[in-house]
mmCIF file of all heavy atoms, coordinates in Angstrom:
data_MODEL
# 
_entry.id   MODEL 
# 
loop_
_atom_site.group_PDB 
_atom_site.id 
_atom_site.type_symbol 
_atom_site.label_atom_id 
_atom_site.label_alt_id 
_atom_site.label_comp_id 
_atom_site.label_asym_id 
_atom_site.label_entity_id 
_atom_site.label_seq_id 
_atom_site.pdbx_PDB_ins_code 
_atom_site.Cartn_x 
_atom_site.Cartn_y 
_atom_site.Cartn_z 
_atom_site.occupancy 
_atom_site.B_iso_or_equiv 
_atom_site.pdbx_formal_charge 
_atom_site.auth_seq_id 
_atom_site.auth_comp_id 
_atom_site.auth_asym_id 
_atom_site.auth_atom_id 
_atom_site.pdbx_PDB_model_num 
ATOM 1   N N   . HIS A 1 1  ? 0.807   -1.221 0.001   1.00 0.00 ? 1  HIS A N   1 
ATOM 2   C CA  . HIS A 1 1  ? -0.025  0.005  -0.016  1.00 0.00 ? 1  HIS A CA  1 
ATOM 3   C C   . HIS A 1 1  ? 0.830   1.290  0.000   1.00 0.00 ? 1  HIS A C   1 
ATOM 4   O O   . HIS A 1 1  ? 0.401   2.341  -0.502  1.00 0.00 ? 1  HIS A O   1 
ATOM 5   C CB  . HIS A 1 1  ? -0.990  0.045  1.190   1.00 0.00 ? 1  HIS A CB  1 
ATOM 6   C CG  . HIS A 1 1  ? -2.117  -0.894 1.023   1.00 0.00 ? 1  HIS A CG  1 
ATOM 7   N ND1 . HIS A 1 1  ? -3.365  -0.452 0.808   1.00 0.00 ? 1  HIS A ND1 1 
ATOM 8   C CD2 . HIS A 1 1  ? -2.149  -2.243 0.987   1.00 0.00 ? 1  HIS A CD2 1 
ATOM 9   C CE1 . HIS A 1 1  ? -4.205  -1.468 0.754   1.00 0.00 ? 1  HIS A CE1 1 
ATOM 10  N NE2 . HIS A 1 1  ? -3.460  -2.545 0.786   1.00 0.00 ? 1  HIS A NE2 1 
ATOM 11  N N   . ASN A 1 2  ? 2.017   1.168  0.538   1.00 0.00 ? 2  ASN A N   1 
ATOM 12  C CA  . ASN A 1 2  ? 2.829   2.410  0.590   1.00 0.00 ? 2  ASN A CA  1 
ATOM 13  C C   . ASN A 1 2  ? 4.222   2.196  -0.065  1.00 0.00 ? 2  ASN A C   1 
ATOM 14  O O   . ASN A 1 2  ? 5.198   2.818  0.358   1.00 0.00 ? 2  ASN A O   1 
ATOM 15  C CB  . ASN A 1 2  ? 3.038   2.864  2.072   1.00 0.00 ? 2  ASN A CB  1 
ATOM 16  C CG  . ASN A 1 2  ? 3.622   1.893  2.958   1.00 0.00 ? 2  ASN A CG  1 
ATOM 17  O OD1 . ASN A 1 2  ? 4.171   0.902  2.505   1.00 0.00 ? 2  ASN A OD1 1 
ATOM 18  N ND2 . ASN A 1 2  ? 3.647   2.156  4.230   1.00 0.00 ? 2  ASN A ND2 1 
ATOM 19  N N   . LYS A 1 3  ? 4.275   1.372  -1.088  1.00 0.00 ? 3  LYS A N   1 
ATOM 20  C CA  . LYS A 1 3  ? 5.598   1.046  -1.635  1.00 0.00 ? 3  LYS A CA  1 
ATOM 21  C C   . LYS A 1 3  ? 6.359   2.169  -2.287  1.00 0.00 ? 3  LYS A C   1 
ATOM 22  O O   . LYS A 1 3  ? 7.519   2.249  -2.241  1.00 0.00 ? 3  LYS A O   1 
ATOM 23  C CB  . LYS A 1 3  ? 5.413   -0.061 -2.739  1.00 0.00 ? 3  LYS A CB  1 
ATOM 24  C CG  . LYS A 1 3  ? 4.542   0.362  -3.941  1.00 0.00 ? 3  LYS A CG  1 
ATOM 25  C CD  . LYS A 1 3  ? 4.495   -0.940 -4.893  1.00 0.00 ? 3  LYS A CD  1 
ATOM 26  C CE  . LYS A 1 3  ? 3.388   -0.573 -5.925  1.00 0.00 ? 3  LYS A CE  1 
ATOM 27  N NZ  . LYS A 1 3  ? 3.141   -1.704 -6.700  1.00 0.00 ? 3  LYS A NZ  1 
ATOM 28  N N   . GLN A 1 4  ? 5.642   3.252  -2.687  1.00 0.00 ? 4  GLN A N   1 
ATOM 29  C CA  . GLN A 1 4  ? 6.300   4.423  -3.151  1.00 0.00 ? 4  GLN A CA  1 
ATOM 30  C C   . GLN A 1 4  ? 6.383   5.541  -2.117  1.00 0.00 ? 4  GLN A C   1 
ATOM 31  O O   . GLN A 1 4  ? 6.824   6.628  -2.406  1.00 0.00 ? 4  GLN A O   1 
ATOM 32  C CB  . GLN A 1 4  ? 5.643   4.952  -4.389  1.00 0.00 ? 4  GLN A CB  1 
ATOM 33  C CG  . GLN A 1 4  ? 5.765   3.945  -5.609  1.00 0.00 ? 4  GLN A CG  1 
ATOM 34  C CD  . GLN A 1 4  ? 5.035   4.448  -6.782  1.00 0.00 ? 4  GLN A CD  1 
ATOM 35  O OE1 . GLN A 1 4  ? 4.666   5.656  -6.884  1.00 0.00 ? 4  GLN A OE1 1 
ATOM 36  N NE2 . GLN A 1 4  ? 4.831   3.617  -7.797  1.00 0.00 ? 4  GLN A NE2 1 
ATOM 37  N N   . LEU A 1 5  ? 5.912   5.162  -0.964  1.00 0.00 ? 5  LEU A N   1 
ATOM 38  C CA  . LEU A 1 5  ? 5.927   6.197  0.127   1.00 0.00 ? 5  LEU A CA  1 
ATOM 39  C C   . LEU A 1 5  ? 6.944   5.847  1.268   1.00 0.00 ? 5  LEU A C   1 
ATOM 40  O O   . LEU A 1 5  ? 6.867   6.300  2.301   1.00 0.00 ? 5  LEU A O   1 
ATOM 41  C CB  . LEU A 1 5  ? 4.535   6.234  0.756   1.00 0.00 ? 5  LEU A CB  1 
ATOM 42  C CG  . LEU A 1 5  ? 3.348   6.673  -0.125  1.00 0.00 ? 5  LEU A CG  1 
ATOM 43  C CD1 . LEU A 1 5  ? 2.049   6.523  0.529   1.00 0.00 ? 5  LEU A CD1 1 
ATOM 44  C CD2 . LEU A 1 5  ? 3.573   8.066  -0.638  1.00 0.00 ? 5  LEU A CD2 1 
ATOM 45  N N   . ALA A 1 6  ? 7.857   4.884  0.875   1.00 0.00 ? 6  ALA A N   1 
ATOM 46  C CA  . ALA A 1 6  ? 8.823   4.448  1.928   1.00 0.00 ? 6  ALA A CA  1 
ATOM 47  C C   . ALA A 1 6  ? 9.585   5.622  2.591   1.00 0.00 ? 6  ALA A C   1 
ATOM 48  O O   . ALA A 1 6  ? 9.933   5.566  3.782   1.00 0.00 ? 6  ALA A O   1 
ATOM 49  C CB  . ALA A 1 6  ? 9.829   3.458  1.279   1.00 0.00 ? 6  ALA A CB  1 
ATOM 50  N N   . CYS A 1 7  ? 9.936   6.653  1.850   1.00 0.00 ? 7  CYS A N   1 
ATOM 51  C CA  . CYS A 1 7  ? 10.645  7.748  2.379   1.00 0.00 ? 7  CYS A CA  1 
ATOM 52  C C   . CYS A 1 7  ? 9.823   8.585  3.419   1.00 0.00 ? 7  CYS A C   1 
ATOM 53  O O   . CYS A 1 7  ? 10.331  9.276  4.172   1.00 0.00 ? 7  CYS A O   1 
ATOM 54  C CB  . CYS A 1 7  ? 11.136  8.723  1.258   1.00 0.00 ? 7  CYS A CB  1 
ATOM 55  S SG  . CYS A 1 7  ? 9.781   9.388  0.280   1.00 0.00 ? 7  CYS A SG  1 
ATOM 56  N N   . LEU A 1 8  ? 8.515   8.346  3.417   1.00 0.00 ? 8  LEU A N   1 
ATOM 57  C CA  . LEU A 1 8  ? 7.620   9.048  4.315   1.00 0.00 ? 8  LEU A CA  1 
ATOM 58  C C   . LEU A 1 8  ? 7.179   8.117  5.504   1.00 0.00 ? 8  LEU A C   1 
ATOM 59  O O   . LEU A 1 8  ? 6.369   8.510  6.242   1.00 0.00 ? 8  LEU A O   1 
ATOM 60  C CB  . LEU A 1 8  ? 6.437   9.559  3.610   1.00 0.00 ? 8  LEU A CB  1 
ATOM 61  C CG  . LEU A 1 8  ? 6.686   10.466 2.378   1.00 0.00 ? 8  LEU A CG  1 
ATOM 62  C CD1 . LEU A 1 8  ? 5.413   10.642 1.575   1.00 0.00 ? 8  LEU A CD1 1 
ATOM 63  C CD2 . LEU A 1 8  ? 7.422   11.758 2.737   1.00 0.00 ? 8  LEU A CD2 1 
ATOM 64  N N   . GLN A 1 9  ? 7.776   6.974  5.579   1.00 0.00 ? 9  GLN A N   1 
ATOM 65  C CA  . GLN A 1 9  ? 7.288   5.937  6.506   1.00 0.00 ? 9  GLN A CA  1 
ATOM 66  C C   . GLN A 1 9  ? 7.248   6.433  7.937   1.00 0.00 ? 9  GLN A C   1 
ATOM 67  O O   . GLN A 1 9  ? 6.320   6.167  8.656   1.00 0.00 ? 9  GLN A O   1 
ATOM 68  C CB  . GLN A 1 9  ? 8.186   4.645  6.449   1.00 0.00 ? 9  GLN A CB  1 
ATOM 69  C CG  . GLN A 1 9  ? 7.615   3.505  7.132   1.00 0.00 ? 9  GLN A CG  1 
ATOM 70  C CD  . GLN A 1 9  ? 6.267   3.010  6.413   1.00 0.00 ? 9  GLN A CD  1 
ATOM 71  O OE1 . GLN A 1 9  ? 5.928   3.468  5.344   1.00 0.00 ? 9  GLN A OE1 1 
ATOM 72  N NE2 . GLN A 1 9  ? 5.640   2.115  7.083   1.00 0.00 ? 9  GLN A NE2 1 
ATOM 73  N N   . ALA A 1 10 ? 8.266   7.141  8.421   1.00 0.00 ? 10 ALA A N   1 
ATOM 74  C CA  . ALA A 1 10 ? 8.268   7.598  9.863   1.00 0.00 ? 10 ALA A CA  1 
ATOM 75  C C   . ALA A 1 10 ? 7.152   8.551  10.093  1.00 0.00 ? 10 ALA A C   1 
ATOM 76  O O   . ALA A 1 10 ? 6.539   8.520  11.077  1.00 0.00 ? 10 ALA A O   1 
ATOM 77  C CB  . ALA A 1 10 ? 9.588   8.306  10.116  1.00 0.00 ? 10 ALA A CB  1 
ATOM 78  N N   . ARG A 1 11 ? 6.837   9.402  9.032   1.00 0.00 ? 11 ARG A N   1 
ATOM 79  C CA  . ARG A 1 11 ? 5.779   10.396 9.238   1.00 0.00 ? 11 ARG A CA  1 
ATOM 80  C C   . ARG A 1 11 ? 4.407   9.709  9.156   1.00 0.00 ? 11 ARG A C   1 
ATOM 81  O O   . ARG A 1 11 ? 3.508   10.215 9.792   1.00 0.00 ? 11 ARG A O   1 
ATOM 82  C CB  . ARG A 1 11 ? 5.976   11.458 8.112   1.00 0.00 ? 11 ARG A CB  1 
ATOM 83  C CG  . ARG A 1 11 ? 4.833   12.446 8.066   1.00 0.00 ? 11 ARG A CG  1 
ATOM 84  C CD  . ARG A 1 11 ? 5.093   13.444 9.233   1.00 0.00 ? 11 ARG A CD  1 
ATOM 85  N NE  . ARG A 1 11 ? 3.955   14.377 9.290   1.00 0.00 ? 11 ARG A NE  1 
ATOM 86  C CZ  . ARG A 1 11 ? 3.884   15.528 8.561   1.00 0.00 ? 11 ARG A CZ  1 
ATOM 87  N NH1 . ARG A 1 11 ? 4.768   15.849 7.792   1.00 0.00 ? 11 ARG A NH1 1 
ATOM 88  N NH2 . ARG A 1 11 ? 2.828   16.264 8.719   1.00 0.00 ? 11 ARG A NH2 1 
ATOM 89  N N   . LEU A 1 12 ? 4.293   8.646  8.422   1.00 0.00 ? 12 LEU A N   1 
ATOM 90  C CA  . LEU A 1 12 ? 2.968   8.051  8.248   1.00 0.00 ? 12 LEU A CA  1 
ATOM 91  C C   . LEU A 1 12 ? 2.777   6.784  9.148   1.00 0.00 ? 12 LEU A C   1 
ATOM 92  O O   . LEU A 1 12 ? 1.943   5.913  8.846   1.00 0.00 ? 12 LEU A O   1 
ATOM 93  C CB  . LEU A 1 12 ? 2.829   7.629  6.788   1.00 0.00 ? 12 LEU A CB  1 
ATOM 94  C CG  . LEU A 1 12 ? 2.913   8.758  5.804   1.00 0.00 ? 12 LEU A CG  1 
ATOM 95  C CD1 . LEU A 1 12 ? 2.870   8.283  4.328   1.00 0.00 ? 12 LEU A CD1 1 
ATOM 96  C CD2 . LEU A 1 12 ? 1.774   9.745  5.990   1.00 0.00 ? 12 LEU A CD2 1 
ATOM 97  N N   . ARG A 1 13 ? 3.544   6.684  10.271  1.00 0.00 ? 13 ARG A N   1 
ATOM 98  C CA  . ARG A 1 13 ? 3.544   5.490  11.041  1.00 0.00 ? 13 ARG A CA  1 
ATOM 99  C C   . ARG A 1 13 ? 2.183   5.225  11.704  1.00 0.00 ? 13 ARG A C   1 
ATOM 100 O O   . ARG A 1 13 ? 1.855   4.092  12.071  1.00 0.00 ? 13 ARG A O   1 
ATOM 101 C CB  . ARG A 1 13 ? 4.612   5.523  12.063  1.00 0.00 ? 13 ARG A CB  1 
ATOM 102 C CG  . ARG A 1 13 ? 4.402   6.556  13.135  1.00 0.00 ? 13 ARG A CG  1 
ATOM 103 C CD  . ARG A 1 13 ? 5.547   6.685  14.109  1.00 0.00 ? 13 ARG A CD  1 
ATOM 104 N NE  . ARG A 1 13 ? 5.343   7.664  15.142  1.00 0.00 ? 13 ARG A NE  1 
ATOM 105 C CZ  . ARG A 1 13 ? 5.421   9.010  14.929  1.00 0.00 ? 13 ARG A CZ  1 
ATOM 106 N NH1 . ARG A 1 13 ? 5.691   9.469  13.715  1.00 0.00 ? 13 ARG A NH1 1 
ATOM 107 N NH2 . ARG A 1 13 ? 5.220   9.878  15.879  1.00 0.00 ? 13 ARG A NH2 1 
ATOM 108 N N   . LEU A 1 14 ? 1.319   6.213  11.967  1.00 0.00 ? 14 LEU A N   1 
ATOM 109 C CA  . LEU A 1 14 ? 0.005   6.050  12.523  1.00 0.00 ? 14 LEU A CA  1 
ATOM 110 C C   . LEU A 1 14 ? -1.064  5.776  11.534  1.00 0.00 ? 14 LEU A C   1 
ATOM 111 O O   . LEU A 1 14 ? -2.281  5.655  11.901  1.00 0.00 ? 14 LEU A O   1 
ATOM 112 C CB  . LEU A 1 14 ? -0.347  7.289  13.384  1.00 0.00 ? 14 LEU A CB  1 
ATOM 113 C CG  . LEU A 1 14 ? 0.604   7.697  14.499  1.00 0.00 ? 14 LEU A CG  1 
ATOM 114 C CD1 . LEU A 1 14 ? 0.170   9.029  15.104  1.00 0.00 ? 14 LEU A CD1 1 
ATOM 115 C CD2 . LEU A 1 14 ? 0.641   6.637  15.520  1.00 0.00 ? 14 LEU A CD2 1 
ATOM 116 N N   . SER A 1 15 ? -0.703  5.617  10.263  1.00 0.00 ? 15 SER A N   1 
ATOM 117 C CA  . SER A 1 15 ? -1.731  5.332  9.241   1.00 0.00 ? 15 SER A CA  1 
ATOM 118 C C   . SER A 1 15 ? -2.203  3.891  9.245   1.00 0.00 ? 15 SER A C   1 
ATOM 119 O O   . SER A 1 15 ? -1.532  2.983  9.839   1.00 0.00 ? 15 SER A O   1 
ATOM 120 C CB  . SER A 1 15 ? -1.150  5.631  7.878   1.00 0.00 ? 15 SER A CB  1 
ATOM 121 O OG  . SER A 1 15 ? -0.033  4.776  7.586   1.00 0.00 ? 15 SER A OG  1 
ATOM 122 N N   . THR A 1 16 ? -3.374  3.602  8.663   1.00 0.00 ? 16 THR A N   1 
ATOM 123 C CA  . THR A 1 16 ? -3.983  2.296  8.588   1.00 0.00 ? 16 THR A CA  1 
ATOM 124 C C   . THR A 1 16 ? -4.073  1.997  7.078   1.00 0.00 ? 16 THR A C   1 
ATOM 125 O O   . THR A 1 16 ? -4.543  2.817  6.279   1.00 0.00 ? 16 THR A O   1 
ATOM 126 C CB  . THR A 1 16 ? -5.376  2.294  9.171   1.00 0.00 ? 16 THR A CB  1 
ATOM 127 O OG1 . THR A 1 16 ? -5.273  2.752  10.534  1.00 0.00 ? 16 THR A OG1 1 
ATOM 128 C CG2 . THR A 1 16 ? -5.965  0.934  9.142   1.00 0.00 ? 16 THR A CG2 1 
ATOM 129 N N   . THR A 1 17 ? -3.666  0.773  6.757   1.00 0.00 ? 17 THR A N   1 
ATOM 130 C CA  . THR A 1 17 ? -3.841  0.235  5.370   1.00 0.00 ? 17 THR A CA  1 
ATOM 131 C C   . THR A 1 17 ? -5.273  0.223  4.961   1.00 0.00 ? 17 THR A C   1 
ATOM 132 O O   . THR A 1 17 ? -6.110  -0.187 5.735   1.00 0.00 ? 17 THR A O   1 
ATOM 133 C CB  . THR A 1 17 ? -3.185  -1.094 5.287   1.00 0.00 ? 17 THR A CB  1 
ATOM 134 O OG1 . THR A 1 17 ? -1.844  -1.033 5.715   1.00 0.00 ? 17 THR A OG1 1 
ATOM 135 C CG2 . THR A 1 17 ? -3.190  -1.658 3.887   1.00 0.00 ? 17 THR A CG2 1 
ATOM 136 N N   . THR A 1 18 ? -5.558  0.820  3.774   1.00 0.00 ? 18 THR A N   1 
ATOM 137 C CA  . THR A 1 18 ? -6.927  0.940  3.351   1.00 0.00 ? 18 THR A CA  1 
ATOM 138 C C   . THR A 1 18 ? -7.066  0.806  1.820   1.00 0.00 ? 18 THR A C   1 
ATOM 139 O O   . THR A 1 18 ? -6.152  0.961  1.120   1.00 0.00 ? 18 THR A O   1 
ATOM 140 C CB  . THR A 1 18 ? -7.600  2.285  3.861   1.00 0.00 ? 18 THR A CB  1 
ATOM 141 O OG1 . THR A 1 18 ? -8.952  2.248  3.692   1.00 0.00 ? 18 THR A OG1 1 
ATOM 142 C CG2 . THR A 1 18 ? -6.982  3.398  3.113   1.00 0.00 ? 18 THR A CG2 1 
ATOM 143 N N   . ILE A 1 19 ? -8.348  0.550  1.430   1.00 0.00 ? 19 ILE A N   1 
ATOM 144 C CA  . ILE A 1 19 ? -8.792  0.656  0.038   1.00 0.00 ? 19 ILE A CA  1 
ATOM 145 C C   . ILE A 1 19 ? -10.095 1.395  0.041   1.00 0.00 ? 19 ILE A C   1 
ATOM 146 O O   . ILE A 1 19 ? -10.855 1.302  0.978   1.00 0.00 ? 19 ILE A O   1 
ATOM 147 C CB  . ILE A 1 19 ? -8.898  -0.684 -0.707  1.00 0.00 ? 19 ILE A CB  1 
ATOM 148 C CG1 . ILE A 1 19 ? -9.862  -1.661 -0.078  1.00 0.00 ? 19 ILE A CG1 1 
ATOM 149 C CG2 . ILE A 1 19 ? -7.507  -1.287 -0.905  1.00 0.00 ? 19 ILE A CG2 1 
ATOM 150 C CD1 . ILE A 1 19 ? -10.102 -2.906 -0.865  1.00 0.00 ? 19 ILE A CD1 1 
ATOM 151 N N   . SER A 1 20 ? -10.291 2.132  -1.046  1.00 0.00 ? 20 SER A N   1 
ATOM 152 C CA  . SER A 1 20 ? -11.602 2.744  -1.302  1.00 0.00 ? 20 SER A CA  1 
ATOM 153 C C   . SER A 1 20 ? -12.144 2.143  -2.535  1.00 0.00 ? 20 SER A C   1 
ATOM 154 O O   . SER A 1 20 ? -11.423 1.953  -3.550  1.00 0.00 ? 20 SER A O   1 
ATOM 155 C CB  . SER A 1 20 ? -11.400 4.303  -1.420  1.00 0.00 ? 20 SER A CB  1 
ATOM 156 O OG  . SER A 1 20 ? -12.606 4.893  -1.699  1.00 0.00 ? 20 SER A OG  1 
ATOM 157 N N   . LEU A 1 21 ? -13.429 1.909  -2.570  1.00 0.00 ? 21 LEU A N   1 
ATOM 158 C CA  . LEU A 1 21 ? -14.063 1.167  -3.664  1.00 0.00 ? 21 LEU A CA  1 
ATOM 159 C C   . LEU A 1 21 ? -15.107 1.935  -4.383  1.00 0.00 ? 21 LEU A C   1 
ATOM 160 O O   . LEU A 1 21 ? -16.309 1.802  -4.078  1.00 0.00 ? 21 LEU A O   1 
ATOM 161 C CB  . LEU A 1 21 ? -14.670 -0.148 -3.160  1.00 0.00 ? 21 LEU A CB  1 
ATOM 162 C CG  . LEU A 1 21 ? -13.593 -1.041 -2.447  1.00 0.00 ? 21 LEU A CG  1 
ATOM 163 C CD1 . LEU A 1 21 ? -14.204 -2.081 -1.533  1.00 0.00 ? 21 LEU A CD1 1 
ATOM 164 C CD2 . LEU A 1 21 ? -12.682 -1.674 -3.463  1.00 0.00 ? 21 LEU A CD2 1 
ATOM 165 N N   . PRO A 1 22 ? -14.777 2.833  -5.328  1.00 0.00 ? 22 PRO A N   1 
ATOM 166 C CA  . PRO A 1 22 ? -15.767 3.784  -5.918  1.00 0.00 ? 22 PRO A CA  1 
ATOM 167 C C   . PRO A 1 22 ? -16.855 3.031  -6.764  1.00 0.00 ? 22 PRO A C   1 
ATOM 168 O O   . PRO A 1 22 ? -17.866 3.624  -6.976  1.00 0.00 ? 22 PRO A O   1 
ATOM 169 C CB  . PRO A 1 22 ? -14.914 4.721  -6.751  1.00 0.00 ? 22 PRO A CB  1 
ATOM 170 C CG  . PRO A 1 22 ? -13.606 4.113  -6.884  1.00 0.00 ? 22 PRO A CG  1 
ATOM 171 C CD  . PRO A 1 22 ? -13.379 3.232  -5.784  1.00 0.00 ? 22 PRO A CD  1 
ATOM 172 N N   . ASP A 1 23 ? -16.568 1.817  -7.218  1.00 0.00 ? 23 ASP A N   1 
ATOM 173 C CA  . ASP A 1 23 ? -17.491 1.179  -8.097  1.00 0.00 ? 23 ASP A CA  1 
ATOM 174 C C   . ASP A 1 23 ? -18.318 0.022  -7.497  1.00 0.00 ? 23 ASP A C   1 
ATOM 175 O O   . ASP A 1 23 ? -19.233 -0.497 -8.113  1.00 0.00 ? 23 ASP A O   1 
ATOM 176 C CB  . ASP A 1 23 ? -16.768 0.640  -9.337  1.00 0.00 ? 23 ASP A CB  1 
ATOM 177 C CG  . ASP A 1 23 ? -16.118 1.744  -10.218 1.00 0.00 ? 23 ASP A CG  1 
ATOM 178 O OD1 . ASP A 1 23 ? -16.788 2.786  -10.328 1.00 0.00 ? 23 ASP A OD1 1 
ATOM 179 O OD2 . ASP A 1 23 ? -15.057 1.480  -10.645 1.00 0.00 ? 23 ASP A OD2 1 
ATOM 180 N N   . ILE A 1 24 ? -17.987 -0.254 -6.279  1.00 0.00 ? 24 ILE A N   1 
ATOM 181 C CA  . ILE A 1 24 ? -18.603 -1.464 -5.672  1.00 0.00 ? 24 ILE A CA  1 
ATOM 182 C C   . ILE A 1 24 ? -20.156 -1.275 -5.473  1.00 0.00 ? 24 ILE A C   1 
ATOM 183 O O   . ILE A 1 24 ? -20.898 -2.296 -5.614  1.00 0.00 ? 24 ILE A O   1 
ATOM 184 C CB  . ILE A 1 24 ? -17.889 -1.855 -4.376  1.00 0.00 ? 24 ILE A CB  1 
ATOM 185 C CG1 . ILE A 1 24 ? -18.221 -3.323 -4.003  1.00 0.00 ? 24 ILE A CG1 1 
ATOM 186 C CG2 . ILE A 1 24 ? -18.215 -0.937 -3.207  1.00 0.00 ? 24 ILE A CG2 1 
ATOM 187 C CD1 . ILE A 1 24 ? -17.359 -3.935 -2.944  1.00 0.00 ? 24 ILE A CD1 1 
ATOM 188 N N   . LEU A 1 25 ? -20.663 -0.151 -5.140  1.00 0.00 ? 25 LEU A N   1 
ATOM 189 C CA  . LEU A 1 25 ? -22.065 0.087  -4.938  1.00 0.00 ? 25 LEU A CA  1 
ATOM 190 C C   . LEU A 1 25 ? -22.848 -0.132 -6.202  1.00 0.00 ? 25 LEU A C   1 
ATOM 191 O O   . LEU A 1 25 ? -23.837 -0.736 -6.242  1.00 0.00 ? 25 LEU A O   1 
ATOM 192 C CB  . LEU A 1 25 ? -22.383 1.396  -4.279  1.00 0.00 ? 25 LEU A CB  1 
ATOM 193 C CG  . LEU A 1 25 ? -21.951 1.515  -2.794  1.00 0.00 ? 25 LEU A CG  1 
ATOM 194 C CD1 . LEU A 1 25 ? -22.151 2.969  -2.337  1.00 0.00 ? 25 LEU A CD1 1 
ATOM 195 C CD2 . LEU A 1 25 ? -22.713 0.543  -1.914  1.00 0.00 ? 25 LEU A CD2 1 
ATOM 196 N N   . SER A 1 26 ? -22.301 0.528  -7.269  1.00 0.00 ? 26 SER A N   1 
ATOM 197 C CA  . SER A 1 26 ? -22.985 0.398  -8.610  1.00 0.00 ? 26 SER A CA  1 
ATOM 198 C C   . SER A 1 26 ? -22.966 -1.039 -9.075  1.00 0.00 ? 26 SER A C   1 
ATOM 199 O O   . SER A 1 26 ? -23.968 -1.475 -9.628  1.00 0.00 ? 26 SER A O   1 
ATOM 200 C CB  . SER A 1 26 ? -22.434 1.365  -9.557  1.00 0.00 ? 26 SER A CB  1 
ATOM 201 O OG  . SER A 1 26 ? -21.083 1.057  -9.778  1.00 0.00 ? 26 SER A OG  1 
# 
């Protein structure tokens, strides 16, 4: 989820892995 955000890892340590599904309801 954060493979290109590795340089920001210390800053984003409180984050939660997530996905958003814009088409699932339709």
